[in-house]
N, C-alpha and C. Protein backbone atom coordinates (compact mmCIF):
# COMPACT_ATOMS: atom_id res chain seq x y z
N UNK A 1 90.16 111.98 94.57
CA UNK A 1 90.64 110.83 95.30
C UNK A 1 90.28 109.57 94.51
N UNK A 2 91.26 108.66 94.32
CA UNK A 2 90.96 107.45 93.54
C UNK A 2 89.98 106.54 94.26
N UNK A 3 89.13 105.93 93.47
CA UNK A 3 88.15 105.01 94.02
C UNK A 3 88.79 103.64 94.21
N UNK A 4 88.54 103.03 95.33
CA UNK A 4 89.08 101.69 95.55
C UNK A 4 87.96 100.68 95.35
N UNK A 5 88.13 99.85 94.34
CA UNK A 5 87.14 98.82 94.06
C UNK A 5 87.30 97.69 95.06
N UNK A 6 86.20 97.05 95.44
CA UNK A 6 86.31 95.92 96.35
C UNK A 6 87.08 94.78 95.68
N UNK A 7 87.73 93.99 96.48
CA UNK A 7 88.46 92.84 95.96
C UNK A 7 87.48 91.88 95.30
N UNK A 8 87.90 91.22 94.23
CA UNK A 8 87.01 90.27 93.57
C UNK A 8 86.74 89.06 94.44
N UNK A 9 85.65 88.40 94.17
CA UNK A 9 85.33 87.17 94.86
C UNK A 9 84.51 87.37 96.11
N UNK A 10 84.29 86.29 96.79
CA UNK A 10 83.43 86.24 97.96
C UNK A 10 84.26 85.95 99.20
N UNK A 11 84.14 86.80 100.22
CA UNK A 11 84.82 86.57 101.49
C UNK A 11 83.89 85.72 102.35
N UNK A 12 84.31 84.49 102.65
CA UNK A 12 83.48 83.57 103.43
C UNK A 12 83.68 83.73 104.92
N UNK A 13 84.65 84.53 105.31
CA UNK A 13 84.89 84.78 106.73
C UNK A 13 85.50 83.60 107.47
N UNK A 14 86.18 82.72 106.76
CA UNK A 14 86.82 81.56 107.38
C UNK A 14 88.28 81.92 107.64
N UNK A 15 88.70 81.99 108.90
CA UNK A 15 90.11 82.29 109.19
C UNK A 15 91.04 81.21 108.66
N UNK A 16 92.27 81.58 108.39
CA UNK A 16 93.26 80.64 107.85
C UNK A 16 93.40 79.37 108.67
N UNK A 17 93.29 79.43 109.97
CA UNK A 17 93.50 78.26 110.82
C UNK A 17 92.27 77.41 111.07
N UNK A 18 91.11 77.78 110.55
CA UNK A 18 89.87 77.06 110.84
C UNK A 18 89.63 75.97 109.79
N UNK A 19 90.33 74.86 109.95
CA UNK A 19 90.24 73.77 108.98
C UNK A 19 88.86 73.12 108.97
N UNK A 20 88.22 73.03 110.13
CA UNK A 20 86.88 72.41 110.18
C UNK A 20 85.88 73.23 109.37
N UNK A 21 85.90 74.54 109.50
CA UNK A 21 84.97 75.39 108.75
C UNK A 21 85.25 75.33 107.25
N UNK A 22 86.52 75.30 106.87
CA UNK A 22 86.88 75.23 105.44
C UNK A 22 86.46 73.90 104.83
N UNK A 23 86.55 72.83 105.60
CA UNK A 23 86.13 71.52 105.12
C UNK A 23 84.61 71.46 105.00
N UNK A 24 83.91 71.97 105.99
CA UNK A 24 82.44 71.96 105.97
C UNK A 24 81.91 72.81 104.81
N UNK A 25 82.50 73.97 104.59
CA UNK A 25 82.06 74.83 103.49
C UNK A 25 82.29 74.17 102.14
N UNK A 26 83.44 73.56 101.96
CA UNK A 26 83.75 72.91 100.69
C UNK A 26 82.80 71.75 100.41
N UNK A 27 82.34 71.07 101.45
CA UNK A 27 81.39 69.96 101.27
C UNK A 27 80.07 70.45 100.68
N UNK A 28 79.71 71.70 100.93
CA UNK A 28 78.44 72.27 100.43
C UNK A 28 78.62 73.07 99.14
N UNK A 29 79.84 73.20 98.67
CA UNK A 29 80.12 74.13 97.56
C UNK A 29 80.00 73.46 96.20
N UNK A 30 79.10 73.97 95.34
CA UNK A 30 78.96 73.39 94.01
C UNK A 30 80.13 73.74 93.08
N UNK A 31 80.92 74.74 93.44
CA UNK A 31 82.02 75.15 92.58
C UNK A 31 83.38 74.62 92.99
N UNK A 32 83.42 73.78 94.04
CA UNK A 32 84.71 73.29 94.51
C UNK A 32 85.44 72.53 93.41
N UNK A 33 86.69 72.90 93.21
CA UNK A 33 87.57 72.20 92.27
C UNK A 33 88.92 72.08 92.95
N UNK A 34 89.44 70.87 93.14
CA UNK A 34 90.72 70.74 93.84
C UNK A 34 91.85 71.38 93.06
N UNK A 35 92.72 72.04 93.79
CA UNK A 35 93.93 72.64 93.23
C UNK A 35 94.96 71.52 93.03
N UNK A 36 96.08 71.83 92.41
CA UNK A 36 97.18 70.88 92.33
C UNK A 36 97.60 70.51 93.75
N UNK A 37 97.91 69.25 93.98
CA UNK A 37 98.24 68.80 95.33
C UNK A 37 99.40 69.57 95.95
N UNK A 38 100.33 70.02 95.16
CA UNK A 38 101.46 70.78 95.73
C UNK A 38 101.04 72.16 96.21
N UNK A 39 99.80 72.58 95.93
CA UNK A 39 99.27 73.86 96.41
C UNK A 39 98.33 73.69 97.60
N UNK A 40 98.08 72.46 98.01
CA UNK A 40 97.16 72.20 99.11
C UNK A 40 97.70 72.76 100.42
N UNK A 41 96.80 73.24 101.26
CA UNK A 41 97.16 73.80 102.56
C UNK A 41 96.44 73.08 103.70
N UNK A 42 95.72 72.00 103.39
CA UNK A 42 94.99 71.24 104.41
C UNK A 42 95.16 69.75 104.12
N UNK A 43 95.03 68.94 105.14
CA UNK A 43 95.13 67.49 104.97
C UNK A 43 93.91 66.90 104.28
N UNK A 44 92.74 67.52 104.50
CA UNK A 44 91.51 67.04 103.88
C UNK A 44 91.52 67.43 102.40
N UNK A 45 91.23 66.47 101.54
CA UNK A 45 91.25 66.76 100.10
C UNK A 45 90.20 67.81 99.73
N UNK A 46 88.99 67.66 100.26
CA UNK A 46 87.92 68.62 99.93
C UNK A 46 87.84 69.66 101.04
N UNK A 47 88.54 70.73 100.82
CA UNK A 47 88.61 71.86 101.76
C UNK A 47 88.76 73.13 100.94
N UNK A 48 88.15 74.20 101.40
CA UNK A 48 88.34 75.48 100.71
C UNK A 48 89.82 75.84 100.62
N UNK A 49 90.60 75.38 101.61
CA UNK A 49 92.03 75.67 101.61
C UNK A 49 92.77 74.95 100.48
N UNK A 50 92.13 73.97 99.86
CA UNK A 50 92.74 73.22 98.76
C UNK A 50 92.03 73.46 97.43
N UNK A 51 91.18 74.46 97.37
CA UNK A 51 90.39 74.71 96.17
C UNK A 51 91.16 75.59 95.17
N UNK A 52 91.01 75.25 93.92
CA UNK A 52 91.64 76.01 92.85
C UNK A 52 91.17 77.47 92.81
N UNK A 53 89.96 77.73 93.31
CA UNK A 53 89.36 79.06 93.21
C UNK A 53 89.65 79.97 94.40
N UNK A 54 90.35 79.50 95.43
CA UNK A 54 90.63 80.36 96.58
C UNK A 54 91.86 81.22 96.29
N UNK A 55 91.77 82.46 96.77
CA UNK A 55 92.90 83.39 96.67
C UNK A 55 93.18 83.90 98.07
N UNK A 56 94.39 83.69 98.52
CA UNK A 56 94.75 84.04 99.90
C UNK A 56 94.73 85.53 100.13
N UNK A 57 94.30 85.90 101.33
CA UNK A 57 94.36 87.27 101.84
C UNK A 57 95.18 87.19 103.13
N UNK A 58 95.53 88.31 103.73
CA UNK A 58 96.34 88.24 104.96
C UNK A 58 95.72 87.39 106.07
N UNK A 59 94.40 87.41 106.21
CA UNK A 59 93.76 86.68 107.30
C UNK A 59 92.97 85.45 106.87
N UNK A 60 92.67 85.34 105.58
CA UNK A 60 91.78 84.30 105.13
C UNK A 60 91.99 84.05 103.64
N UNK A 61 90.90 83.99 102.91
CA UNK A 61 90.94 83.83 101.46
C UNK A 61 89.64 84.38 100.88
N UNK A 62 89.63 84.58 99.57
CA UNK A 62 88.43 84.97 98.85
C UNK A 62 88.12 83.86 97.86
N UNK A 63 86.86 83.57 97.69
CA UNK A 63 86.41 82.52 96.78
C UNK A 63 86.08 83.15 95.42
N UNK A 64 86.73 82.65 94.38
CA UNK A 64 86.49 83.14 93.03
C UNK A 64 85.81 82.09 92.16
N UNK A 65 85.19 81.09 92.78
CA UNK A 65 84.53 80.02 92.04
C UNK A 65 83.45 80.59 91.13
N UNK A 66 83.32 80.04 89.91
CA UNK A 66 82.28 80.52 89.00
C UNK A 66 80.88 80.25 89.56
N UNK A 67 80.72 79.20 90.36
CA UNK A 67 79.48 78.92 91.08
C UNK A 67 79.83 78.99 92.56
N UNK A 68 79.74 80.18 93.15
CA UNK A 68 80.18 80.33 94.54
C UNK A 68 79.26 79.62 95.51
N UNK A 69 79.79 79.33 96.71
CA UNK A 69 78.97 78.69 97.72
C UNK A 69 77.86 79.60 98.19
N UNK A 70 76.84 78.99 98.75
CA UNK A 70 75.71 79.77 99.28
C UNK A 70 75.71 79.74 100.79
């Protein structure tokens, strides 16, 4: 049976619709880097939803920042 490797990155457990949690997490994140504005998914500039390192999943996203949040 093939082995399934875990998805890369860190799952922060922030649902797609929780803008307050994504903004709060990004404020504490040393690796936050804004994505191109045309890729933004939140009104707040500093939000995990607008970070270059986030990769969307069906329910949330995974953080691939080189210095992930703690």
